[in-house]
Amino acid sequence: MRHRKRGRKLSRTGSHRRALLRSLAAALFQHESITTTVPKAKEARPFIERLITISKRGTLVSRRIVASRLQDEPLAKKCCEVFAPRYADRPGGYTRIIRLAKRRIGDASPLCLLELVDKVQKEKPKKKGKK
């Protein structure tokens, strides 16, 4: 029985799983929206939300904790300077999982979109039509 055993193994060793979560969090902080499989997104969500909550404290110790968990100093700086003020008044729930209709080509596993809730929309340049 799996009583009091939390988390998914994702068919990986512990170190591989930690590296996966770090890379998913780094990609999400960099692009603010990523496409991944549903189990990976569900496993990455608490990790990412905990990082944002820690960065909201605004202390040097919290910045160092985020940097040690992400293993990327510029992304830790972005997390503390961009995302912490953005979610200062929100008490959690910084990410959203949207299931996609399409499936992955190789093994047909269900895909989803993992994104930050209040992500900044980039303006697309207007195309000039024919006159």
Foldseek 3Di string as FASTA:
>chain_A
DQPPPDDDPPPDDPVVLLVLLLVVLLVCLVPQKDKDFPSSLVRNQVVNQVLLVLLLVVDPVSLVVSCVSNVDNVSSVCSNPPVNVVCVPPPTDQKDWAWDPFADDPPRGTMIMIGGDPDDDDDDDDDDDDD
